[in-house]
Structure formats: C-alpha cells, structure tokens
C-alpha cells in the first residue's frame, strides 16, 4: 500500500465517528481500487498486451471476484444500491446479520467467474 493510500485509510476513522461505518467505508474504498487494478490487468490480458498462465489468470479472476463482492456488499450497506430488503439498512442503527452478508456475497458472485472465463 502506498503512503498516500495508508494516509487515506488512517483518515477515515477520524472523519466517520461510527467504527463499523468507518470499516465499511474503508473496505469499500479498498475494494474499489482492487477492482480497478484487476480490470486494468484483465484488459491488458484480453488485448494480448500481456500473456499470463492459467494459474495467474485464476488468481486475477479470484481477485476481481473478491473485490466485486466486497464492493457490492459495502455499497449495499451504505445505501448506494437497491436492497432486496423491504426496509432500509442503516449501518449505525442495527448489526449486520451473517445471513444478509452471505446473501449479498452470493448475489455478487453470480456469473462473474463464468463471464471472465468466457473472455479469457
């Protein structure tokens, strides 16, 4: 992690007083950066600018899937996406259940691996 990124991550808890909300925001920011990095690398592979083997392709796919899951789950918790739940989720007001997190990860995972394999 670069110095600037470390400073940004360290600054989030000072700006967001709720520790759980600060953690979600930090996870969302880092997932966004990992997703962007993975997509840039995937673009270079798909355009045949870089050749990588199957193991590295699998690792790149795994990185993108994990980052997309984290990004989607955090975006949902922050109210940036539509929720499947009838009532809004306010991070500071209620704990997040493990079942809800599992459901969001499963939704985020649908088709991403297959899509990437189709283009690889």
PDB file of N, CA and C in Angstrom:
ATOM      1  N   UNK A   1       0.847  -1.164   0.000  1.00  0.00           N
ATOM      2  CA  UNK A   1       0.000   0.000   0.000  1.00  0.00           C
ATOM      3  C   UNK A   1       0.902   1.239   0.000  1.00  0.00           C
ATOM      4  N   UNK A   2       0.569   2.195  -0.815  1.00  0.00           N
ATOM      5  CA  UNK A   2       1.366   3.414  -0.903  1.00  0.00           C
ATOM      6  C   UNK A   2       1.136   4.290   0.327  1.00  0.00           C
ATOM      7  N   UNK A   3       2.020   5.238   0.530  1.00  0.00           N
ATOM      8  CA  UNK A   3       1.904   6.143   1.670  1.00  0.00           C
ATOM      9  C   UNK A   3       0.613   6.951   1.609  1.00  0.00           C
ATOM     10  N   UNK A   4       0.276   7.441   0.429  1.00  0.00           N
ATOM     11  CA  UNK A   4      -0.954   8.234   0.276  1.00  0.00           C
ATOM     12  C   UNK A   4      -2.189   7.399   0.607  1.00  0.00           C
ATOM     13  N   UNK A   5      -2.190   6.151   0.177  1.00  0.00           N
ATOM     14  CA  UNK A   5      -3.328   5.271   0.456  1.00  0.00           C
ATOM     15  C   UNK A   5      -3.402   4.957   1.946  1.00  0.00           C
ATOM     16  N   UNK A   6      -2.262   4.731   2.573  1.00  0.00           N
ATOM     17  CA  UNK A   6      -2.250   4.486   4.024  1.00  0.00           C
ATOM     18  C   UNK A   6      -2.804   5.686   4.776  1.00  0.00           C
ATOM     19  N   UNK A   7      -2.443   6.884   4.331  1.00  0.00           N
ATOM     20  CA  UNK A   7      -2.950   8.099   4.985  1.00  0.00           C
ATOM     21  C   UNK A   7      -4.459   8.215   4.816  1.00  0.00           C
ATOM     22  N   UNK A   8      -4.953   7.899   3.634  1.00  0.00           N
ATOM     23  CA  UNK A   8      -6.391   7.955   3.390  1.00  0.00           C
ATOM     24  C   UNK A   8      -7.123   6.967   4.292  1.00  0.00           C
ATOM     25  N   UNK A   9      -6.620   5.741   4.374  1.00  0.00           N
ATOM     26  CA  UNK A   9      -7.237   4.711   5.211  1.00  0.00           C
ATOM     27  C   UNK A   9      -7.199   5.128   6.682  1.00  0.00           C
ATOM     28  N   UNK A  10      -6.096   5.738   7.118  1.00  0.00           N
ATOM     29  CA  UNK A  10      -5.977   6.191   8.510  1.00  0.00           C
ATOM     30  C   UNK A  10      -6.901   7.371   8.793  1.00  0.00           C
ATOM     31  N   UNK A  11      -7.242   8.143   7.789  1.00  0.00           N
ATOM     32  CA  UNK A  11      -8.076   9.326   7.955  1.00  0.00           C
ATOM     33  C   UNK A  11      -9.564   8.971   8.088  1.00  0.00           C
ATOM     34  N   UNK A  12      -9.985   7.873   7.517  1.00  0.00           N
ATOM     35  CA  UNK A  12     -11.409   7.514   7.513  1.00  0.00           C
ATOM     36  C   UNK A  12     -11.997   7.449   8.923  1.00  0.00           C
ATOM     37  N   UNK A  13     -11.363   6.750   9.891  1.00  0.00           N
ATOM     38  CA  UNK A  13     -11.963   6.707  11.236  1.00  0.00           C
ATOM     39  C   UNK A  13     -12.095   8.086  11.890  1.00  0.00           C
ATOM     40  N   UNK A  14     -11.216   9.018  11.545  1.00  0.00           N
ATOM     41  CA  UNK A  14     -11.316  10.366  12.106  1.00  0.00           C
ATOM     42  C   UNK A  14     -12.505  11.123  11.511  1.00  0.00           C
ATOM     43  N   UNK A  15     -12.844  10.827  10.267  1.00  0.00           N
ATOM     44  CA  UNK A  15     -13.947  11.513   9.594  1.00  0.00           C
ATOM     45  C   UNK A  15     -15.297  10.845   9.829  1.00  0.00           C
ATOM     46  N   UNK A  16     -15.269   9.544  10.111  1.00  0.00           N
ATOM     47  CA  UNK A  16     -16.504   8.785  10.320  1.00  0.00           C
ATOM     48  C   UNK A  16     -16.484   8.261  11.758  1.00  0.00           C
ATOM     49  N   UNK A  17     -17.257   8.876  12.647  1.00  0.00           N
ATOM     50  CA  UNK A  17     -17.166   8.530  14.059  1.00  0.00           C
ATOM     51  C   UNK A  17     -17.643   7.111  14.412  1.00  0.00           C
ATOM     52  N   UNK A  18     -18.544   6.540  13.633  1.00  0.00           N
ATOM     53  CA  UNK A  18     -19.027   5.188  13.912  1.00  0.00           C
ATOM     54  C   UNK A  18     -17.999   4.187  13.406  1.00  0.00           C
ATOM     55  N   UNK A  19     -17.419   3.363  14.304  1.00  0.00           N
ATOM     56  CA  UNK A  19     -16.350   2.439  13.878  1.00  0.00           C
ATOM     57  C   UNK A  19     -16.792   1.439  12.810  1.00  0.00           C
ATOM     58  N   UNK A  20     -18.013   0.934  12.912  1.00  0.00           N
ATOM     59  CA  UNK A  20     -18.495  -0.039  11.930  1.00  0.00           C
ATOM     60  C   UNK A  20     -18.672   0.636  10.568  1.00  0.00           C
ATOM     61  N   UNK A  21     -19.213   1.841  10.560  1.00  0.00           N
ATOM     62  CA  UNK A  21     -19.385   2.574   9.308  1.00  0.00           C
ATOM     63  C   UNK A  21     -18.029   2.918   8.694  1.00  0.00           C
ATOM     64  N   UNK A  22     -17.053   3.280   9.542  1.00  0.00           N
ATOM     65  CA  UNK A  22     -15.707   3.591   9.047  1.00  0.00           C
ATOM     66  C   UNK A  22     -15.069   2.363   8.413  1.00  0.00           C
ATOM     67  N   UNK A  23     -15.282   1.207   9.032  1.00  0.00           N
ATOM     68  CA  UNK A  23     -14.722  -0.037   8.476  1.00  0.00           C
ATOM     69  C   UNK A  23     -15.356  -0.372   7.128  1.00  0.00           C
ATOM     70  N   UNK A  24     -16.671  -0.185   7.018  1.00  0.00           N
ATOM     71  CA  UNK A  24     -17.359  -0.457   5.749  1.00  0.00           C
ATOM     72  C   UNK A  24     -16.863   0.501   4.669  1.00  0.00           C
ATOM     73  N   UNK A  25     -16.707   1.772   5.009  1.00  0.00           N
ATOM     74  CA  UNK A  25     -16.230   2.752   4.032  1.00  0.00           C
ATOM     75  C   UNK A  25     -14.805   2.425   3.584  1.00  0.00           C
ATOM     76  N   UNK A  26     -13.952   2.052   4.521  1.00  0.00           N
ATOM     77  CA  UNK A  26     -12.572   1.680   4.179  1.00  0.00           C
ATOM     78  C   UNK A  26     -12.550   0.448   3.282  1.00  0.00           C
ATOM     79  N   UNK A  27     -13.341  -0.557   3.627  1.00  0.00           N
ATOM     80  CA  UNK A  27     -13.415  -1.776   2.812  1.00  0.00           C
ATOM     81  C   UNK A  27     -13.909  -1.447   1.415  1.00  0.00           C
ATOM     82  N   UNK A  28     -14.894  -0.572   1.308  1.00  0.00           N
ATOM     83  CA  UNK A  28     -15.449  -0.172   0.008  1.00  0.00           C
ATOM     84  C   UNK A  28     -14.398   0.539  -0.840  1.00  0.00           C
ATOM     85  N   UNK A  29     -13.666   1.466  -0.236  1.00  0.00           N
ATOM     86  CA  UNK A  29     -12.625   2.190  -0.971  1.00  0.00           C
ATOM     87  C   UNK A  29     -11.531   1.242  -1.476  1.00  0.00           C
ATOM     88  N   UNK A  30     -11.062   0.359  -0.600  1.00  0.00           N
ATOM     89  CA  UNK A  30     -10.002  -0.574  -0.992  1.00  0.00           C
ATOM     90  C   UNK A  30     -10.501  -1.572  -2.040  1.00  0.00           C
ATOM     91  N   UNK A  31     -11.743  -2.020  -1.909  1.00  0.00           N
ATOM     92  CA  UNK A  31     -12.309  -2.934  -2.904  1.00  0.00           C
ATOM     93  C   UNK A  31     -12.417  -2.245  -4.263  1.00  0.00           C
ATOM     94  N   UNK A  32     -12.781  -0.978  -4.256  1.00  0.00           N
ATOM     95  CA  UNK A  32     -12.866  -0.214  -5.496  1.00  0.00           C
ATOM     96  C   UNK A  32     -11.510  -0.154  -6.191  1.00  0.00           C
ATOM     97  N   UNK A  33     -10.474   0.104  -5.426  1.00  0.00           N
ATOM     98  CA  UNK A  33      -9.127   0.168  -6.003  1.00  0.00           C
ATOM     99  C   UNK A  33      -8.664  -1.201  -6.506  1.00  0.00           C
ATOM    100  N   UNK A  34      -8.955  -2.262  -5.740  1.00  0.00           N
ATOM    101  CA  UNK A  34      -8.576  -3.616  -6.185  1.00  0.00           C
ATOM    102  C   UNK A  34      -9.325  -4.005  -7.454  1.00  0.00           C
ATOM    103  N   UNK A  35     -10.612  -3.622  -7.528  1.00  0.00           N
ATOM    104  CA  UNK A  35     -11.395  -3.930  -8.726  1.00  0.00           C
ATOM    105  C   UNK A  35     -10.833  -3.198  -9.940  1.00  0.00           C
ATOM    106  N   UNK A  36     -10.495  -1.944  -9.754  1.00  0.00           N
ATOM    107  CA  UNK A  36      -9.945  -1.171 -10.865  1.00  0.00           C
ATOM    108  C   UNK A  36      -8.618  -1.774 -11.333  1.00  0.00           C
ATOM    109  N   UNK A  37      -7.768  -2.132 -10.396  1.00  0.00           N
ATOM    110  CA  UNK A  37      -6.490  -2.749 -10.734  1.00  0.00           C
ATOM    111  C   UNK A  37      -6.705  -4.070 -11.477  1.00  0.00           C
ATOM    112  N   UNK A  38      -7.594  -4.906 -10.976  1.00  0.00           N
ATOM    113  CA  UNK A  38      -7.855  -6.196 -11.611  1.00  0.00           C
ATOM    114  C   UNK A  38      -8.422  -6.009 -13.018  1.00  0.00           C
ATOM    115  N   UNK A  39      -9.304  -5.044 -13.193  1.00  0.00           N
ATOM    116  CA  UNK A  39      -9.881  -4.807 -14.520  1.00  0.00           C
ATOM    117  C   UNK A  39      -8.846  -4.263 -15.498  1.00  0.00           C
ATOM    118  N   UNK A  40      -7.948  -3.406 -15.033  1.00  0.00           N
ATOM    119  CA  UNK A  40      -6.872  -2.920 -15.903  1.00  0.00           C
ATOM    120  C   UNK A  40      -5.957  -4.072 -16.325  1.00  0.00           C
ATOM    121  N   UNK A  41      -5.628  -4.937 -15.366  1.00  0.00           N
ATOM    122  CA  UNK A  41      -4.789  -6.088 -15.704  1.00  0.00           C
ATOM    123  C   UNK A  41      -5.518  -7.028 -16.657  1.00  0.00           C
ATOM    124  N   UNK A  42      -6.811  -7.269 -16.410  1.00  0.00           N
ATOM    125  CA  UNK A  42      -7.591  -8.144 -17.283  1.00  0.00           C
ATOM    126  C   UNK A  42      -7.675  -7.572 -18.694  1.00  0.00           C
ATOM    127  N   UNK A  43      -7.819  -6.268 -18.796  1.00  0.00           N
ATOM    128  CA  UNK A  43      -7.870  -5.619 -20.103  1.00  0.00           C
ATOM    129  C   UNK A  43      -6.561  -5.847 -20.869  1.00  0.00           C
ATOM    130  N   UNK A  44      -5.448  -5.732 -20.174  1.00  0.00           N
ATOM    131  CA  UNK A  44      -4.149  -5.964 -20.824  1.00  0.00           C
ATOM    132  C   UNK A  44      -4.029  -7.413 -21.293  1.00  0.00           C
ATOM    133  N   UNK A  45      -4.556  -8.342 -20.508  1.00  0.00           N
ATOM    134  CA  UNK A  45      -4.508  -9.757 -20.898  1.00  0.00           C
ATOM    135  C   UNK A  45      -5.419 -10.003 -22.099  1.00  0.00           C
ATOM    136  N   UNK A  46      -6.641  -9.472 -22.028  1.00  0.00           N
ATOM    137  CA  UNK A  46      -7.602  -9.691 -23.111  1.00  0.00           C
ATOM    138  C   UNK A  46      -7.168  -9.052 -24.420  1.00  0.00           C
ATOM    139  N   UNK A  47      -6.433  -7.954 -24.336  1.00  0.00           N
ATOM    140  CA  UNK A  47      -5.921  -7.293 -25.541  1.00  0.00           C
ATOM    141  C   UNK A  47      -4.574  -7.855 -25.978  1.00  0.00           C
ATOM    142  N   UNK A  48      -4.172  -8.920 -25.336  1.00  0.00           N
ATOM    143  CA  UNK A  48      -2.932  -9.635 -25.639  1.00  0.00           C
ATOM    144  C   UNK A  48      -1.701  -8.745 -25.526  1.00  0.00           C
ATOM    145  N   UNK A  49      -1.773  -7.743 -24.659  1.00  0.00           N
ATOM    146  CA  UNK A  49      -0.602  -6.911 -24.373  1.00  0.00           C
ATOM    147  C   UNK A  49       0.315  -7.621 -23.389  1.00  0.00           C
ATOM    148  N   UNK A  50      -0.287  -8.510 -22.588  1.00  0.00           N
ATOM    149  CA  UNK A  50       0.440  -9.292 -21.593  1.00  0.00           C
ATOM    150  C   UNK A  50      -0.056 -10.729 -21.680  1.00  0.00           C
ATOM    151  N   UNK A  51       0.855 -11.663 -21.627  1.00  0.00           N
ATOM    152  CA  UNK A  51       0.462 -13.075 -21.626  1.00  0.00           C
ATOM    153  C   UNK A  51       0.713 -13.645 -20.228  1.00  0.00           C
ATOM    154  N   UNK A  52      -0.316 -14.282 -19.668  1.00  0.00           N
ATOM    155  CA  UNK A  52      -0.159 -14.910 -18.364  1.00  0.00           C
ATOM    156  C   UNK A  52      -0.662 -16.340 -18.437  1.00  0.00           C
ATOM    157  N   UNK A  53      -0.169 -17.154 -17.525  1.00  0.00           N
ATOM    158  CA  UNK A  53      -0.560 -18.563 -17.486  1.00  0.00           C
ATOM    159  C   UNK A  53      -1.878 -18.768 -16.770  1.00  0.00           C
ATOM    160  N   UNK A  54      -2.363 -20.003 -16.788  1.00  0.00           N
ATOM    161  CA  UNK A  54      -3.656 -20.320 -16.173  1.00  0.00           C
ATOM    162  C   UNK A  54      -3.706 -20.019 -14.674  1.00  0.00           C
ATOM    163  N   UNK A  55      -2.611 -20.266 -13.950  1.00  0.00           N
ATOM    164  CA  UNK A  55      -2.613 -20.010 -12.505  1.00  0.00           C
ATOM    165  C   UNK A  55      -2.772 -18.522 -12.207  1.00  0.00           C
ATOM    166  N   UNK A  56      -2.059 -17.704 -12.952  1.00  0.00           N
ATOM    167  CA  UNK A  56      -2.166 -16.253 -12.739  1.00  0.00           C
ATOM    168  C   UNK A  56      -3.528 -15.736 -13.212  1.00  0.00           C
ATOM    169  N   UNK A  57      -4.067 -16.319 -14.261  1.00  0.00           N
ATOM    170  CA  UNK A  57      -5.394 -15.938 -14.726  1.00  0.00           C
ATOM    171  C   UNK A  57      -6.441 -16.268 -13.661  1.00  0.00           C
ATOM    172  N   UNK A  58      -6.308 -17.430 -13.048  1.00  0.00           N
ATOM    173  CA  UNK A  58      -7.217 -17.827 -11.970  1.00  0.00           C
ATOM    174  C   UNK A  58      -7.080 -16.864 -10.786  1.00  0.00           C
ATOM    175  N   UNK A  59      -5.843 -16.495 -10.439  1.00  0.00           N
ATOM    176  CA  UNK A  59      -5.608 -15.565  -9.331  1.00  0.00           C
ATOM    177  C   UNK A  59      -6.217 -14.194  -9.641  1.00  0.00           C
ATOM    178  N   UNK A  60      -6.081 -13.744 -10.876  1.00  0.00           N
ATOM    179  CA  UNK A  60      -6.656 -12.465 -11.287  1.00  0.00           C
ATOM    180  C   UNK A  60      -8.177 -12.518 -11.201  1.00  0.00           C
ATOM    181  N   UNK A  61      -8.760 -13.611 -11.655  1.00  0.00           N
ATOM    182  CA  UNK A  61     -10.200 -13.801 -11.578  1.00  0.00           C
ATOM    183  C   UNK A  61     -10.660 -13.799 -10.126  1.00  0.00           C
ATOM    184  N   UNK A  62      -9.929 -14.502  -9.270  1.00  0.00           N
ATOM    185  CA  UNK A  62     -10.291 -14.562  -7.845  1.00  0.00           C
ATOM    186  C   UNK A  62     -10.210 -13.180  -7.203  1.00  0.00           C
ATOM    187  N   UNK A  63      -9.185 -12.430  -7.564  1.00  0.00           N
ATOM    188  CA  UNK A  63      -9.032 -11.075  -7.022  1.00  0.00           C
ATOM    189  C   UNK A  63     -10.212 -10.198  -7.425  1.00  0.00           C
ATOM    190  N   UNK A  64     -10.609 -10.288  -8.688  1.00  0.00           N
ATOM    191  CA  UNK A  64     -11.718  -9.487  -9.180  1.00  0.00           C
ATOM    192  C   UNK A  64     -13.031  -9.896  -8.506  1.00  0.00           C
ATOM    193  N   UNK A  65     -13.259 -11.190  -8.355  1.00  0.00           N
ATOM    194  CA  UNK A  65     -14.497 -11.663  -7.729  1.00  0.00           C
ATOM    195  C   UNK A  65     -14.570 -11.191  -6.279  1.00  0.00           C
ATOM    196  N   UNK A  66     -13.479 -11.359  -5.524  1.00  0.00           N
ATOM    197  CA  UNK A  66     -13.479 -10.932  -4.116  1.00  0.00           C
ATOM    198  C   UNK A  66     -13.701  -9.426  -4.002  1.00  0.00           C
ATOM    199  N   UNK A  67     -13.022  -8.668  -4.836  1.00  0.00           N
ATOM    200  CA  UNK A  67     -13.163  -7.209  -4.790  1.00  0.00           C
ATOM    201  C   UNK A  67     -14.595  -6.796  -5.153  1.00  0.00           C
ATOM    202  N   UNK A  68     -15.171  -7.441  -6.151  1.00  0.00           N
ATOM    203  CA  UNK A  68     -16.545  -7.116  -6.563  1.00  0.00           C
ATOM    204  C   UNK A  68     -17.534  -7.468  -5.458  1.00  0.00           C
ATOM    205  N   UNK A  69     -17.314  -8.584  -4.785  1.00  0.00           N
ATOM    206  CA  UNK A  69     -18.195  -8.967  -3.676  1.00  0.00           C
ATOM    207  C   UNK A  69     -18.122  -7.941  -2.550  1.00  0.00           C
ATOM    208  N   UNK A  70     -16.909  -7.582  -2.159  1.00  0.00           N
ATOM    209  CA  UNK A  70     -16.739  -6.594  -1.091  1.00  0.00           C
ATOM    210  C   UNK A  70     -17.350  -5.253  -1.487  1.00  0.00           C
ATOM    211  N   UNK A  71     -17.064  -4.830  -2.715  1.00  0.00           N
ATOM    212  CA  UNK A  71     -17.578  -3.555  -3.208  1.00  0.00           C
ATOM    213  C   UNK A  71     -19.105  -3.550  -3.203  1.00  0.00           C
ATOM    214  N   UNK A  72     -19.708  -4.603  -3.751  1.00  0.00           N
ATOM    215  CA  UNK A  72     -21.171  -4.681  -3.819  1.00  0.00           C
ATOM    216  C   UNK A  72     -21.820  -4.746  -2.449  1.00  0.00           C
ATOM    217  N   UNK A  73     -21.252  -5.535  -1.546  1.00  0.00           N
ATOM    218  CA  UNK A  73     -21.812  -5.650  -0.200  1.00  0.00           C
ATOM    219  C   UNK A  73     -21.727  -4.314   0.536  1.00  0.00           C
ATOM    220  N   UNK A  74     -20.588  -3.656   0.442  1.00  0.00           N
ATOM    221  CA  UNK A  74     -20.421  -2.363   1.118  1.00  0.00           C
ATOM    222  C   UNK A  74     -21.323  -1.297   0.503  1.00  0.00           C
ATOM    223  N   UNK A  75     -21.419  -1.278  -0.816  1.00  0.00           N
ATOM    224  CA  UNK A  75     -22.296  -0.312  -1.483  1.00  0.00           C
ATOM    225  C   UNK A  75     -23.743  -0.512  -1.045  1.00  0.00           C
ATOM    226  N   UNK A  76     -24.139  -1.750  -0.898  1.00  0.00           N
ATOM    227  CA  UNK A  76     -25.490  -2.051  -0.436  1.00  0.00           C
ATOM    228  C   UNK A  76     -25.689  -1.579   0.998  1.00  0.00           C
ATOM    229  N   UNK A  77     -24.702  -1.842   1.849  1.00  0.00           N
ATOM    230  CA  UNK A  77     -24.806  -1.411   3.245  1.00  0.00           C
ATOM    231  C   UNK A  77     -24.843   0.108   3.384  1.00  0.00           C
ATOM    232  N   UNK A  78     -24.173   0.801   2.487  1.00  0.00           N
ATOM    233  CA  UNK A  78     -24.156   2.263   2.540  1.00  0.00           C
ATOM    234  C   UNK A  78     -25.367   2.883   1.842  1.00  0.00           C
ATOM    235  N   UNK A  79     -26.232   2.036   1.287  1.00  0.00           N
ATOM    236  CA  UNK A  79     -27.431   2.537   0.635  1.00  0.00           C
ATOM    237  C   UNK A  79     -27.194   3.068  -0.769  1.00  0.00           C
ATOM    238  N   UNK A  80     -26.075   2.684  -1.390  1.00  0.00           N
ATOM    239  CA  UNK A  80     -25.766   3.159  -2.736  1.00  0.00           C
ATOM    240  C   UNK A  80     -26.431   2.314  -3.824  1.00  0.00           C
ATOM    241  N   UNK A  81     -26.936   1.156  -3.434  1.00  0.00           N
ATOM    242  CA  UNK A  81     -27.633   0.271  -4.369  1.00  0.00           C
ATOM    243  C   UNK A  81     -28.996  -0.066  -3.789  1.00  0.00           C
ATOM    244  N   UNK A  82     -29.858  -0.565  -4.614  1.00  0.00           N
ATOM    245  CA  UNK A  82     -31.164  -1.004  -4.127  1.00  0.00           C
ATOM    246  C   UNK A  82     -30.995  -2.294  -3.337  1.00  0.00           C
ATOM    247  N   UNK A  83     -31.687  -2.361  -2.256  1.00  0.00           N
ATOM    248  CA  UNK A  83     -31.605  -3.541  -1.395  1.00  0.00           C
ATOM    249  C   UNK A  83     -32.763  -4.475  -1.692  1.00  0.00           C
ATOM    250  N   UNK A  84     -32.567  -5.772  -1.457  1.00  0.00           N
ATOM    251  CA  UNK A  84     -33.640  -6.745  -1.601  1.00  0.00           C
ATOM    252  C   UNK A  84     -34.519  -6.756  -0.359  1.00  0.00           C
ATOM    253  N   UNK A  85     -34.061  -6.073   0.684  1.00  0.00           N
ATOM    254  CA  UNK A  85     -34.832  -5.999   1.925  1.00  0.00           C
ATOM    255  C   UNK A  85     -35.873  -4.886   1.804  1.00  0.00           C
ATOM    256  N   UNK A  86     -37.064  -5.092   2.386  1.00  0.00           N
ATOM    257  CA  UNK A  86     -38.099  -4.065   2.266  1.00  0.00           C
ATOM    258  C   UNK A  86     -37.780  -2.779   3.033  1.00  0.00           C
ATOM    259  N   UNK A  87     -37.093  -2.873   4.150  1.00  0.00           N
ATOM    260  CA  UNK A  87     -36.765  -1.680   4.928  1.00  0.00           C
ATOM    261  C   UNK A  87     -35.319  -1.278   4.669  1.00  0.00           C
ATOM    262  N   UNK A  88     -35.019   0.027   4.784  1.00  0.00           N
ATOM    263  CA  UNK A  88     -33.634   0.454   4.563  1.00  0.00           C
ATOM    264  C   UNK A  88     -32.713  -0.058   5.664  1.00  0.00           C
ATOM    265  N   UNK A  89     -31.465  -0.260   5.317  1.00  0.00           N
ATOM    266  CA  UNK A  89     -30.477  -0.729   6.274  1.00  0.00           C
ATOM    267  C   UNK A  89     -29.635   0.470   6.687  1.00  0.00           C
ATOM    268  N   UNK A  90     -29.686   0.809   7.948  1.00  0.00           N
ATOM    269  CA  UNK A  90     -28.856   1.884   8.471  1.00  0.00           C
ATOM    270  C   UNK A  90     -27.755   1.251   9.292  1.00  0.00           C
ATOM    271  N   UNK A  91     -26.555   1.393   8.835  1.00  0.00           N
ATOM    272  CA  UNK A  91     -25.415   0.719   9.423  1.00  0.00           C
ATOM    273  C   UNK A  91     -25.255   1.021  10.904  1.00  0.00           C
ATOM    274  N   UNK A  92     -25.440   2.254  11.299  1.00  0.00           N
ATOM    275  CA  UNK A  92     -25.224   2.618  12.696  1.00  0.00           C
ATOM    276  C   UNK A  92     -26.369   2.147  13.592  1.00  0.00           C
ATOM    277  N   UNK A  93     -27.523   1.839  13.021  1.00  0.00           N
ATOM    278  CA  UNK A  93     -28.696   1.526  13.826  1.00  0.00           C
ATOM    279  C   UNK A  93     -28.867   0.044  14.132  1.00  0.00           C
ATOM    280  N   UNK A  94     -28.348  -0.848  13.300  1.00  0.00           N
ATOM    281  CA  UNK A  94     -28.568  -2.266  13.535  1.00  0.00           C
ATOM    282  C   UNK A  94     -27.346  -3.079  13.112  1.00  0.00           C
ATOM    283  N   UNK A  95     -27.111  -4.186  13.796  1.00  0.00           N
ATOM    284  CA  UNK A  95     -25.989  -5.041  13.383  1.00  0.00           C
ATOM    285  C   UNK A  95     -26.323  -5.749  12.067  1.00  0.00           C
ATOM    286  N   UNK A  96     -25.309  -6.074  11.328  1.00  0.00           N
ATOM    287  CA  UNK A  96     -25.498  -6.750  10.051  1.00  0.00           C
ATOM    288  C   UNK A  96     -25.434  -8.252  10.302  1.00  0.00           C
ATOM    289  N   UNK A  97     -26.480  -8.948   9.908  1.00  0.00           N
ATOM    290  CA  UNK A  97     -26.518 -10.388  10.155  1.00  0.00           C
ATOM    291  C   UNK A  97     -25.619 -11.133   9.177  1.00  0.00           C
ATOM    292  N   UNK A  98     -25.095 -12.256   9.639  1.00  0.00           N
ATOM    293  CA  UNK A  98     -24.236 -13.086   8.795  1.00  0.00           C
ATOM    294  C   UNK A  98     -25.012 -13.604   7.590  1.00  0.00           C
ATOM    295  N   UNK A  99     -26.310 -13.889   7.766  1.00  0.00           N
ATOM    296  CA  UNK A  99     -27.132 -14.386   6.659  1.00  0.00           C
ATOM    297  C   UNK A  99     -27.259 -13.325   5.563  1.00  0.00           C
ATOM    298  N   UNK A 100     -27.402 -12.060   5.958  1.00  0.00           N
ATOM    299  CA  UNK A 100     -27.509 -10.984   4.978  1.00  0.00           C
ATOM    300  C   UNK A 100     -26.207 -10.825   4.209  1.00  0.00           C
ATOM    301  N   UNK A 101     -25.084 -10.889   4.910  1.00  0.00           N
ATOM    302  CA  UNK A 101     -23.775 -10.777   4.252  1.00  0.00           C
ATOM    303  C   UNK A 101     -23.584 -11.927   3.275  1.00  0.00           C
ATOM    304  N   UNK A 102     -23.958 -13.146   3.705  1.00  0.00           N
ATOM    305  CA  UNK A 102     -23.831 -14.318   2.829  1.00  0.00           C
ATOM    306  C   UNK A 102     -24.703 -14.145   1.577  1.00  0.00           C
ATOM    307  N   UNK A 103     -25.936 -13.668   1.775  1.00  0.00           N
ATOM    308  CA  UNK A 103     -26.844 -13.453   0.641  1.00  0.00           C
ATOM    309  C   UNK A 103     -26.260 -12.444  -0.344  1.00  0.00           C
ATOM    310  N   UNK A 104     -25.695 -11.346   0.164  1.00  0.00           N
ATOM    311  CA  UNK A 104     -25.136 -10.318  -0.705  1.00  0.00           C
ATOM    312  C   UNK A 104     -23.921 -10.842  -1.472  1.00  0.00           C
ATOM    313  N   UNK A 105     -23.080 -11.652  -0.803  1.00  0.00           N
ATOM    314  CA  UNK A 105     -21.915 -12.224  -1.489  1.00  0.00           C
ATOM    315  C   UNK A 105     -22.352 -13.193  -2.582  1.00  0.00           C
ATOM    316  N   UNK A 106     -23.376 -14.004  -2.305  1.00  0.00           N
ATOM    317  CA  UNK A 106     -23.871 -14.939  -3.315  1.00  0.00           C
ATOM    318  C   UNK A 106     -24.424 -14.178  -4.520  1.00  0.00           C
ATOM    319  N   UNK A 107     -25.153 -13.098  -4.272  1.00  0.00           N
ATOM    320  CA  UNK A 107     -25.685 -12.292  -5.374  1.00  0.00           C
ATOM    321  C   UNK A 107     -24.554 -11.658  -6.180  1.00  0.00           C
ATOM    322  N   UNK A 108     -23.539 -11.174  -5.476  1.00  0.00           N
ATOM    323  CA  UNK A 108     -22.418 -10.531  -6.165  1.00  0.00           C
ATOM    324  C   UNK A 108     -21.617 -11.532  -6.977  1.00  0.00           C
ATOM    325  N   UNK A 109     -21.618 -12.785  -6.561  1.00  0.00           N
ATOM    326  CA  UNK A 109     -20.805 -13.814  -7.208  1.00  0.00           C
ATOM    327  C   UNK A 109     -21.461 -14.392  -8.465  1.00  0.00           C
ATOM    328  N   UNK A 110     -22.744 -14.236  -8.604  1.00  0.00           N
ATOM    329  CA  UNK A 110     -23.455 -14.858  -9.714  1.00  0.00           C
ATOM    330  C   UNK A 110     -22.885 -14.429 -11.063  1.00  0.00           C
ATOM    331  N   UNK A 111     -22.343 -15.355 -11.760  1.00  0.00           N
ATOM    332  CA  UNK A 111     -21.950 -15.124 -13.136  1.00  0.00           C
ATOM    333  C   UNK A 111     -20.623 -14.441 -13.365  1.00  0.00           C
ATOM    334  N   UNK A 112     -19.995 -13.858 -12.352  1.00  0.00           N
ATOM    335  CA  UNK A 112     -18.754 -13.122 -12.590  1.00  0.00           C
ATOM    336  C   UNK A 112     -17.648 -14.054 -13.067  1.00  0.00           C
ATOM    337  N   UNK A 113     -17.492 -15.182 -12.395  1.00  0.00           N
ATOM    338  CA  UNK A 113     -16.446 -16.126 -12.791  1.00  0.00           C
ATOM    339  C   UNK A 113     -16.683 -16.655 -14.195  1.00  0.00           C
ATOM    340  N   UNK A 114     -17.925 -16.993 -14.493  1.00  0.00           N
ATOM    341  CA  UNK A 114     -18.246 -17.506 -15.826  1.00  0.00           C
ATOM    342  C   UNK A 114     -18.024 -16.442 -16.901  1.00  0.00           C
ATOM    343  N   UNK A 115     -18.377 -15.207 -16.584  1.00  0.00           N
ATOM    344  CA  UNK A 115     -18.173 -14.125 -17.545  1.00  0.00           C
ATOM    345  C   UNK A 115     -16.700 -13.959 -17.854  1.00  0.00           C
ATOM    346  N   UNK A 116     -15.866 -13.953 -16.836  1.00  0.00           N
ATOM    347  CA  UNK A 116     -14.450 -13.752 -17.045  1.00  0.00           C
ATOM    348  C   UNK A 116     -13.842 -14.913 -17.824  1.00  0.00           C
ATOM    349  N   UNK A 117     -14.266 -16.139 -17.511  1.00  0.00           N
ATOM    350  CA  UNK A 117     -13.757 -17.315 -18.241  1.00  0.00           C
ATOM    351  C   UNK A 117     -14.119 -17.253 -19.717  1.00  0.00           C
ATOM    352  N   UNK A 118     -15.300 -16.721 -20.024  1.00  0.00           N
ATOM    353  CA  UNK A 118     -15.732 -16.626 -21.413  1.00  0.00           C
ATOM    354  C   UNK A 118     -14.843 -15.686 -22.223  1.00  0.00           C
ATOM    355  N   UNK A 119     -14.287 -14.669 -21.570  1.00  0.00           N
ATOM    356  CA  UNK A 119     -13.456 -13.698 -22.255  1.00  0.00           C
ATOM    357  C   UNK A 119     -11.983 -14.026 -22.191  1.00  0.00           C
ATOM    358  N   UNK A 120     -11.598 -14.946 -21.309  1.00  0.00           N
ATOM    359  CA  UNK A 120     -10.171 -15.265 -21.137  1.00  0.00           C
ATOM    360  C   UNK A 120      -9.655 -16.158 -22.236  1.00  0.00           C
TER     361      UNK A 120
END
